[in-house]
């Protein structure tokens, strides 16, 4: 289980905790949708396209490692290491995203509290950097939605 805990309400940084130890910190981008994180000495950058529907995870050399397709849709996917991980939003109004295998729920990602911003991710079979990427994309999506709601 990976847990993301907001460090500050002002900056949008999150501590990523797995099995009781901090494994990374999500640093959101100031200028575009996405962010950065480091795992075991490897730095990754996450960027989105102009519409926020596709995200790419790049290693420190600028090489693509993984991508999210159809972000924000009911059904979306993560492509990493030749494997496609399928997700489905559990309900129209909720924040839970279910990880599917052959159409059957095998894991999930959910915000446990809108107030604290804490997120829990149970994503079996995914390497830790890809799990952090998935959580980071959801953080970026939720922050963009909040910003849009605040400007309306």
N, C-alpha and C. Protein backbone atom coordinates (compact mmCIF):
# COMPACT_ATOMS: atom_id res chain seq x y z
N UNK A 1 0.85 -1.18 0.00
CA UNK A 1 0.00 0.00 0.00
C UNK A 1 0.89 1.24 0.00
N UNK A 2 0.59 2.13 -0.92
CA UNK A 2 1.28 3.41 -1.02
C UNK A 2 0.33 4.48 -0.54
N UNK A 3 0.80 5.34 0.35
CA UNK A 3 -0.01 6.44 0.86
C UNK A 3 0.67 7.75 0.52
N UNK A 4 -0.13 8.70 0.04
CA UNK A 4 0.38 10.04 -0.26
C UNK A 4 -0.25 11.00 0.73
N UNK A 5 0.60 11.71 1.47
CA UNK A 5 0.12 12.64 2.49
C UNK A 5 0.58 14.04 2.13
N UNK A 6 -0.34 14.97 2.10
CA UNK A 6 0.00 16.35 1.76
C UNK A 6 0.91 16.93 2.85
N UNK A 7 2.02 17.55 2.42
CA UNK A 7 2.96 18.15 3.36
C UNK A 7 2.52 19.53 3.79
N UNK A 8 1.88 20.26 2.87
CA UNK A 8 1.49 21.63 3.16
C UNK A 8 0.29 21.99 2.29
N UNK A 9 -0.63 22.74 2.83
CA UNK A 9 -1.78 23.17 2.04
C UNK A 9 -1.39 24.25 1.04
N UNK A 10 -0.26 24.89 1.24
CA UNK A 10 0.14 26.00 0.38
C UNK A 10 0.88 25.57 -0.87
N UNK A 11 1.73 24.59 -0.81
CA UNK A 11 2.61 24.25 -1.93
C UNK A 11 2.11 23.07 -2.76
N UNK A 12 1.37 22.15 -2.18
CA UNK A 12 0.87 21.00 -2.92
C UNK A 12 1.83 19.82 -2.96
N UNK A 13 2.86 19.83 -2.13
CA UNK A 13 3.80 18.71 -2.07
C UNK A 13 3.18 17.56 -1.29
N UNK A 14 3.55 16.34 -1.68
CA UNK A 14 3.06 15.15 -1.00
C UNK A 14 4.23 14.26 -0.62
N UNK A 15 4.13 13.65 0.57
CA UNK A 15 5.06 12.61 1.02
C UNK A 15 4.48 11.28 0.56
N UNK A 16 5.27 10.45 -0.09
CA UNK A 16 4.85 9.12 -0.51
C UNK A 16 5.42 8.12 0.48
N UNK A 17 4.54 7.37 1.11
CA UNK A 17 4.94 6.43 2.15
C UNK A 17 4.51 5.02 1.76
N UNK A 18 5.44 4.08 1.79
CA UNK A 18 5.15 2.67 1.51
C UNK A 18 5.69 1.84 2.66
N UNK A 19 4.85 0.99 3.20
CA UNK A 19 5.25 0.12 4.31
C UNK A 19 5.87 0.89 5.47
N UNK A 20 5.32 2.06 5.76
CA UNK A 20 5.74 2.83 6.91
C UNK A 20 6.97 3.70 6.70
N UNK A 21 7.56 3.70 5.52
CA UNK A 21 8.74 4.55 5.30
C UNK A 21 8.51 5.46 4.10
N UNK A 22 9.05 6.67 4.19
CA UNK A 22 8.93 7.61 3.10
C UNK A 22 9.81 7.15 1.94
N UNK A 23 9.21 7.03 0.76
CA UNK A 23 9.95 6.54 -0.41
C UNK A 23 10.16 7.62 -1.46
N UNK A 24 9.37 8.69 -1.39
CA UNK A 24 9.51 9.77 -2.37
C UNK A 24 8.72 10.98 -1.90
N UNK A 25 8.93 12.08 -2.62
CA UNK A 25 8.15 13.30 -2.40
C UNK A 25 7.68 13.77 -3.77
N UNK A 26 6.38 14.01 -3.91
CA UNK A 26 5.83 14.55 -5.15
C UNK A 26 5.92 16.07 -5.08
N UNK A 27 6.63 16.66 -6.04
CA UNK A 27 6.75 18.11 -6.15
C UNK A 27 5.98 18.55 -7.39
N UNK A 28 4.85 19.24 -7.21
CA UNK A 28 4.08 19.66 -8.38
C UNK A 28 4.81 20.74 -9.17
N UNK A 29 4.54 20.78 -10.45
CA UNK A 29 5.11 21.81 -11.31
C UNK A 29 4.36 23.12 -11.10
N UNK A 30 5.09 24.22 -11.12
CA UNK A 30 4.45 25.53 -10.98
C UNK A 30 3.80 25.98 -12.27
N UNK A 31 4.40 25.62 -13.41
CA UNK A 31 3.99 26.21 -14.68
C UNK A 31 3.12 25.31 -15.53
N UNK A 32 3.16 24.02 -15.35
CA UNK A 32 2.36 23.11 -16.16
C UNK A 32 1.81 22.00 -15.28
N UNK A 33 0.88 21.26 -15.82
CA UNK A 33 0.32 20.14 -15.08
C UNK A 33 1.36 19.02 -15.06
N UNK A 34 1.67 18.54 -13.87
CA UNK A 34 2.66 17.48 -13.71
C UNK A 34 3.48 17.71 -12.46
N UNK A 35 4.68 17.16 -12.43
CA UNK A 35 5.53 17.31 -11.26
C UNK A 35 6.80 16.49 -11.39
N UNK A 36 7.47 16.32 -10.26
CA UNK A 36 8.72 15.56 -10.20
C UNK A 36 8.78 14.75 -8.92
N UNK A 37 9.55 13.66 -8.98
CA UNK A 37 9.82 12.87 -7.78
C UNK A 37 11.10 12.09 -7.98
N UNK A 38 11.65 11.61 -6.86
CA UNK A 38 12.87 10.81 -6.88
C UNK A 38 12.65 9.55 -6.08
N UNK A 39 13.07 8.41 -6.65
CA UNK A 39 12.98 7.12 -5.96
C UNK A 39 14.34 6.43 -6.06
N UNK A 40 14.89 6.06 -4.93
CA UNK A 40 16.18 5.34 -4.88
C UNK A 40 17.25 6.01 -5.74
N UNK A 41 17.33 7.34 -5.66
CA UNK A 41 18.36 8.07 -6.37
C UNK A 41 18.06 8.34 -7.85
N UNK A 42 16.90 7.90 -8.33
CA UNK A 42 16.51 8.13 -9.72
C UNK A 42 15.43 9.20 -9.77
N UNK A 43 15.70 10.26 -10.52
CA UNK A 43 14.76 11.39 -10.62
C UNK A 43 13.86 11.20 -11.84
N UNK A 44 12.56 11.48 -11.66
CA UNK A 44 11.58 11.37 -12.74
C UNK A 44 10.80 12.68 -12.85
N UNK A 45 10.44 13.01 -14.07
CA UNK A 45 9.63 14.18 -14.35
C UNK A 45 8.34 13.72 -15.00
N UNK A 46 7.23 14.33 -14.62
CA UNK A 46 5.92 13.99 -15.18
C UNK A 46 5.37 15.24 -15.86
N UNK A 47 5.00 15.10 -17.13
CA UNK A 47 4.46 16.21 -17.91
C UNK A 47 3.17 15.77 -18.59
N UNK A 48 2.30 16.73 -18.83
CA UNK A 48 1.05 16.43 -19.54
C UNK A 48 1.01 17.16 -20.86
N UNK A 49 0.08 16.72 -21.72
CA UNK A 49 -0.16 17.47 -22.95
C UNK A 49 -1.00 18.70 -22.59
N UNK A 50 -1.31 19.53 -23.55
CA UNK A 50 -2.02 20.78 -23.30
C UNK A 50 -3.41 20.57 -22.72
N UNK A 51 -4.05 19.45 -23.04
CA UNK A 51 -5.41 19.19 -22.57
C UNK A 51 -5.45 18.41 -21.26
N UNK A 52 -4.30 17.95 -20.78
CA UNK A 52 -4.25 17.19 -19.53
C UNK A 52 -4.85 15.81 -19.66
N UNK A 53 -4.90 15.26 -20.87
CA UNK A 53 -5.48 13.93 -21.07
C UNK A 53 -4.41 12.86 -21.24
N UNK A 54 -3.15 13.28 -21.44
CA UNK A 54 -2.05 12.34 -21.58
C UNK A 54 -0.88 12.85 -20.73
N UNK A 55 -0.32 11.95 -19.95
CA UNK A 55 0.83 12.27 -19.11
C UNK A 55 1.98 11.35 -19.47
N UNK A 56 3.18 11.87 -19.43
CA UNK A 56 4.38 11.08 -19.71
C UNK A 56 5.34 11.19 -18.55
N UNK A 57 5.90 10.06 -18.15
CA UNK A 57 6.92 10.01 -17.10
C UNK A 57 8.27 9.85 -17.80
N UNK A 58 9.19 10.78 -17.52
CA UNK A 58 10.52 10.77 -18.13
C UNK A 58 11.57 10.50 -17.07
N UNK A 59 12.62 9.75 -17.44
CA UNK A 59 13.72 9.56 -16.51
C UNK A 59 14.62 10.79 -16.56
N UNK A 60 15.71 10.78 -15.76
CA UNK A 60 16.57 11.97 -15.67
C UNK A 60 17.29 12.26 -16.98
N UNK A 61 17.34 11.30 -17.90
CA UNK A 61 17.93 11.53 -19.21
C UNK A 61 16.92 12.03 -20.23
N UNK A 62 15.66 12.19 -19.81
CA UNK A 62 14.62 12.66 -20.72
C UNK A 62 13.96 11.56 -21.53
N UNK A 63 14.24 10.31 -21.19
CA UNK A 63 13.66 9.17 -21.90
C UNK A 63 12.30 8.80 -21.32
N UNK A 64 11.30 8.52 -22.17
CA UNK A 64 9.99 8.12 -21.65
C UNK A 64 10.05 6.76 -20.95
N UNK A 65 9.44 6.69 -19.78
CA UNK A 65 9.40 5.46 -18.99
C UNK A 65 7.98 4.90 -18.97
N UNK A 66 7.00 5.78 -18.87
CA UNK A 66 5.60 5.36 -18.80
C UNK A 66 4.71 6.49 -19.29
N UNK A 67 3.46 6.14 -19.61
CA UNK A 67 2.51 7.18 -20.01
C UNK A 67 1.11 6.80 -19.55
N UNK A 68 0.32 7.82 -19.30
CA UNK A 68 -1.10 7.66 -18.99
C UNK A 68 -1.88 8.17 -20.18
N UNK A 69 -2.84 7.37 -20.63
CA UNK A 69 -3.72 7.73 -21.74
C UNK A 69 -5.13 7.95 -21.21
N UNK A 70 -5.82 8.95 -21.74
CA UNK A 70 -7.22 9.23 -21.43
C UNK A 70 -7.44 9.64 -19.97
N UNK A 71 -6.47 10.34 -19.39
CA UNK A 71 -6.58 10.80 -18.00
C UNK A 71 -7.85 11.63 -17.84
N UNK A 72 -8.54 11.44 -16.75
CA UNK A 72 -9.76 12.20 -16.47
C UNK A 72 -11.01 11.55 -17.02
N UNK A 73 -10.86 10.50 -17.82
CA UNK A 73 -12.01 9.79 -18.38
C UNK A 73 -12.44 8.67 -17.45
N UNK A 74 -13.60 8.10 -17.71
CA UNK A 74 -14.07 6.98 -16.89
C UNK A 74 -13.10 5.81 -17.00
N UNK A 75 -12.68 5.48 -18.21
CA UNK A 75 -11.71 4.41 -18.43
C UNK A 75 -10.42 5.04 -18.92
N UNK A 76 -9.31 4.68 -18.27
CA UNK A 76 -8.01 5.22 -18.65
C UNK A 76 -6.95 4.15 -18.43
N UNK A 77 -5.76 4.38 -18.94
CA UNK A 77 -4.74 3.34 -18.86
C UNK A 77 -3.35 3.91 -18.60
N UNK A 78 -2.50 3.03 -18.07
CA UNK A 78 -1.09 3.33 -17.83
C UNK A 78 -0.28 2.32 -18.65
N UNK A 79 0.64 2.83 -19.45
CA UNK A 79 1.51 1.99 -20.28
C UNK A 79 2.92 2.11 -19.72
N UNK A 80 3.49 0.98 -19.28
CA UNK A 80 4.83 0.99 -18.69
C UNK A 80 5.49 -0.37 -18.87
N UNK A 81 6.70 -0.35 -19.36
CA UNK A 81 7.46 -1.60 -19.49
C UNK A 81 6.77 -2.65 -20.33
N UNK A 82 6.05 -2.23 -21.35
CA UNK A 82 5.36 -3.18 -22.23
C UNK A 82 4.07 -3.73 -21.65
N UNK A 83 3.65 -3.23 -20.50
CA UNK A 83 2.42 -3.69 -19.85
C UNK A 83 1.41 -2.55 -19.84
N UNK A 84 0.15 -2.87 -20.08
CA UNK A 84 -0.92 -1.88 -20.01
C UNK A 84 -1.75 -2.17 -18.76
N UNK A 85 -1.87 -1.18 -17.89
CA UNK A 85 -2.68 -1.29 -16.68
C UNK A 85 -3.95 -0.49 -16.92
N UNK A 86 -5.10 -1.15 -16.84
CA UNK A 86 -6.38 -0.50 -17.10
C UNK A 86 -7.01 -0.03 -15.79
N UNK A 87 -7.57 1.18 -15.83
CA UNK A 87 -8.26 1.76 -14.68
C UNK A 87 -9.67 2.17 -15.08
N UNK A 88 -10.56 2.19 -14.09
CA UNK A 88 -11.91 2.69 -14.30
C UNK A 88 -12.33 3.48 -13.07
N UNK A 89 -12.87 4.69 -13.31
CA UNK A 89 -13.41 5.49 -12.20
C UNK A 89 -14.60 4.75 -11.65
N UNK A 90 -14.65 4.56 -10.33
CA UNK A 90 -15.69 3.76 -9.70
C UNK A 90 -17.08 4.40 -9.79
N UNK A 91 -17.15 5.73 -9.72
CA UNK A 91 -18.44 6.41 -9.84
C UNK A 91 -18.22 7.79 -10.44
N UNK A 92 -19.28 8.35 -10.96
CA UNK A 92 -19.19 9.65 -11.61
C UNK A 92 -18.72 10.74 -10.65
N UNK A 93 -19.17 10.69 -9.41
CA UNK A 93 -18.87 11.76 -8.45
C UNK A 93 -17.74 11.42 -7.49
N UNK A 94 -17.36 10.17 -7.39
CA UNK A 94 -16.34 9.78 -6.43
C UNK A 94 -14.93 9.97 -6.96
N UNK A 95 -13.96 9.77 -6.09
CA UNK A 95 -12.56 9.91 -6.46
C UNK A 95 -11.85 8.57 -6.56
N UNK A 96 -12.54 7.47 -6.32
CA UNK A 96 -11.89 6.16 -6.38
C UNK A 96 -11.70 5.72 -7.82
N UNK A 97 -10.49 5.22 -8.10
CA UNK A 97 -10.14 4.66 -9.40
C UNK A 97 -9.80 3.19 -9.16
N UNK A 98 -10.45 2.28 -9.89
CA UNK A 98 -10.20 0.86 -9.72
C UNK A 98 -9.20 0.35 -10.76
N UNK A 99 -8.21 -0.41 -10.30
CA UNK A 99 -7.27 -1.08 -11.18
C UNK A 99 -7.91 -2.40 -11.59
N UNK A 100 -7.95 -2.67 -12.90
CA UNK A 100 -8.62 -3.85 -13.42
C UNK A 100 -7.64 -4.82 -14.06
N UNK A 101 -7.99 -6.10 -13.97
CA UNK A 101 -7.28 -7.14 -14.71
C UNK A 101 -8.36 -8.02 -15.33
N UNK A 102 -8.41 -8.04 -16.64
CA UNK A 102 -9.46 -8.78 -17.36
C UNK A 102 -10.85 -8.36 -16.90
N UNK A 103 -11.01 -7.06 -16.62
CA UNK A 103 -12.31 -6.52 -16.22
C UNK A 103 -12.66 -6.70 -14.76
N UNK A 104 -11.78 -7.31 -13.98
CA UNK A 104 -12.03 -7.57 -12.56
C UNK A 104 -11.15 -6.64 -11.71
N UNK A 105 -11.74 -6.05 -10.69
CA UNK A 105 -11.00 -5.15 -9.81
C UNK A 105 -9.93 -5.92 -9.04
N UNK A 106 -8.67 -5.46 -9.14
CA UNK A 106 -7.57 -6.08 -8.41
C UNK A 106 -6.86 -5.09 -7.49
N UNK A 107 -7.19 -3.82 -7.61
CA UNK A 107 -6.57 -2.79 -6.79
C UNK A 107 -7.35 -1.50 -6.92
N UNK A 108 -6.89 -0.47 -6.22
CA UNK A 108 -7.61 0.80 -6.29
C UNK A 108 -6.70 1.96 -5.87
N UNK A 109 -7.20 3.13 -6.18
CA UNK A 109 -6.56 4.39 -5.83
C UNK A 109 -7.69 5.30 -5.39
N UNK A 110 -7.56 5.88 -4.20
CA UNK A 110 -8.66 6.73 -3.72
C UNK A 110 -8.14 7.81 -2.79
N UNK A 111 -8.84 8.94 -2.83
CA UNK A 111 -8.56 10.01 -1.88
C UNK A 111 -9.39 9.71 -0.66
N UNK A 112 -8.72 9.57 0.50
CA UNK A 112 -9.44 9.21 1.73
C UNK A 112 -10.10 10.41 2.38
N UNK A 113 -9.60 11.61 2.05
CA UNK A 113 -10.16 12.82 2.64
C UNK A 113 -9.90 14.01 1.72
N UNK A 114 -10.96 14.71 1.36
CA UNK A 114 -10.79 15.91 0.54
C UNK A 114 -10.08 17.00 1.35
N UNK A 115 -10.32 17.02 2.66
CA UNK A 115 -9.74 18.05 3.51
C UNK A 115 -8.23 17.87 3.66
N UNK A 116 -7.79 16.67 4.03
CA UNK A 116 -6.36 16.44 4.24
C UNK A 116 -5.63 16.15 2.93
N UNK A 117 -6.37 15.67 1.93
CA UNK A 117 -5.76 15.34 0.65
C UNK A 117 -5.06 14.00 0.63
N UNK A 118 -5.18 13.20 1.69
CA UNK A 118 -4.50 11.91 1.76
C UNK A 118 -5.06 10.95 0.70
N UNK A 119 -4.14 10.20 0.07
CA UNK A 119 -4.49 9.26 -0.99
C UNK A 119 -3.92 7.90 -0.62
N UNK A 120 -4.71 6.86 -0.84
CA UNK A 120 -4.25 5.49 -0.64
C UNK A 120 -4.26 4.78 -1.99
N UNK A 121 -3.19 4.08 -2.30
CA UNK A 121 -3.09 3.34 -3.55
C UNK A 121 -2.68 1.90 -3.26
N UNK A 122 -3.53 0.98 -3.68
CA UNK A 122 -3.23 -0.45 -3.61
C UNK A 122 -3.12 -0.90 -5.06
N UNK A 123 -1.90 -0.93 -5.58
CA UNK A 123 -1.66 -1.20 -7.00
C UNK A 123 -0.71 -2.38 -7.16
N UNK A 124 -1.20 -3.59 -6.89
CA UNK A 124 -0.33 -4.77 -6.94
C UNK A 124 0.21 -5.01 -8.35
N UNK A 125 1.45 -5.46 -8.40
CA UNK A 125 2.08 -5.79 -9.67
C UNK A 125 2.74 -4.63 -10.37
N UNK A 126 2.62 -3.43 -9.82
CA UNK A 126 3.25 -2.26 -10.43
C UNK A 126 4.53 -1.92 -9.68
N UNK A 127 5.61 -1.65 -10.42
CA UNK A 127 6.84 -1.18 -9.74
C UNK A 127 6.56 0.13 -9.01
N UNK A 128 7.29 0.36 -7.93
CA UNK A 128 7.08 1.55 -7.10
C UNK A 128 7.13 2.86 -7.89
N UNK A 129 8.10 3.09 -8.78
CA UNK A 129 8.09 4.36 -9.52
C UNK A 129 6.81 4.55 -10.35
N UNK A 130 6.26 3.48 -10.89
CA UNK A 130 5.04 3.57 -11.69
C UNK A 130 3.85 3.85 -10.78
N UNK A 131 3.83 3.26 -9.59
CA UNK A 131 2.77 3.57 -8.62
C UNK A 131 2.80 5.06 -8.26
N UNK A 132 3.99 5.59 -8.02
CA UNK A 132 4.12 7.01 -7.67
C UNK A 132 3.68 7.88 -8.85
N UNK A 133 4.03 7.48 -10.05
CA UNK A 133 3.59 8.18 -11.26
C UNK A 133 2.06 8.24 -11.32
N UNK A 134 1.41 7.10 -11.10
CA UNK A 134 -0.06 7.04 -11.15
C UNK A 134 -0.67 7.95 -10.09
N UNK A 135 -0.15 7.89 -8.87
CA UNK A 135 -0.65 8.76 -7.80
C UNK A 135 -0.38 10.22 -8.13
N UNK A 136 0.81 10.52 -8.65
CA UNK A 136 1.14 11.89 -9.03
C UNK A 136 0.22 12.43 -10.11
N UNK A 137 -0.14 11.61 -11.08
CA UNK A 137 -1.07 12.04 -12.13
C UNK A 137 -2.43 12.36 -11.51
N UNK A 138 -2.89 11.54 -10.59
CA UNK A 138 -4.18 11.81 -9.94
C UNK A 138 -4.11 13.10 -9.12
N UNK A 139 -3.01 13.31 -8.42
CA UNK A 139 -2.84 14.57 -7.68
C UNK A 139 -2.91 15.75 -8.64
N UNK A 140 -2.19 15.67 -9.75
CA UNK A 140 -2.18 16.75 -10.74
C UNK A 140 -3.58 16.99 -11.30
N UNK A 141 -4.31 15.92 -11.57
CA UNK A 141 -5.67 16.05 -12.10
C UNK A 141 -6.58 16.72 -11.07
N UNK A 142 -6.53 16.27 -9.82
CA UNK A 142 -7.39 16.84 -8.78
C UNK A 142 -7.02 18.31 -8.54
N UNK A 143 -5.72 18.64 -8.54
CA UNK A 143 -5.32 20.03 -8.34
C UNK A 143 -5.80 20.90 -9.50
N UNK A 144 -5.74 20.39 -10.72
CA UNK A 144 -6.23 21.16 -11.89
C UNK A 144 -7.73 21.38 -11.79
N UNK A 145 -8.47 20.35 -11.34
CA UNK A 145 -9.92 20.48 -11.17
C UNK A 145 -10.26 21.51 -10.10
N UNK A 146 -9.51 21.50 -8.99
CA UNK A 146 -9.74 22.46 -7.93
C UNK A 146 -9.45 23.89 -8.42
N UNK A 147 -8.36 24.04 -9.18
CA UNK A 147 -8.01 25.37 -9.70
C UNK A 147 -9.09 25.87 -10.66
N UNK A 148 -9.61 24.98 -11.50
CA UNK A 148 -10.67 25.37 -12.44
C UNK A 148 -11.95 25.74 -11.71
N UNK A 149 -12.27 24.99 -10.66
CA UNK A 149 -13.47 25.29 -9.88
C UNK A 149 -13.33 26.63 -9.15
N UNK A 150 -12.13 26.94 -8.71
CA UNK A 150 -11.89 28.19 -7.99
C UNK A 150 -11.91 29.41 -8.89
N UNK A 151 -11.65 29.21 -10.19
CA UNK A 151 -11.64 30.35 -11.10
C UNK A 151 -12.99 30.59 -11.77
N UNK A 152 -13.93 29.67 -11.55
CA UNK A 152 -15.24 29.80 -12.19
C UNK A 152 -16.15 30.78 -11.46
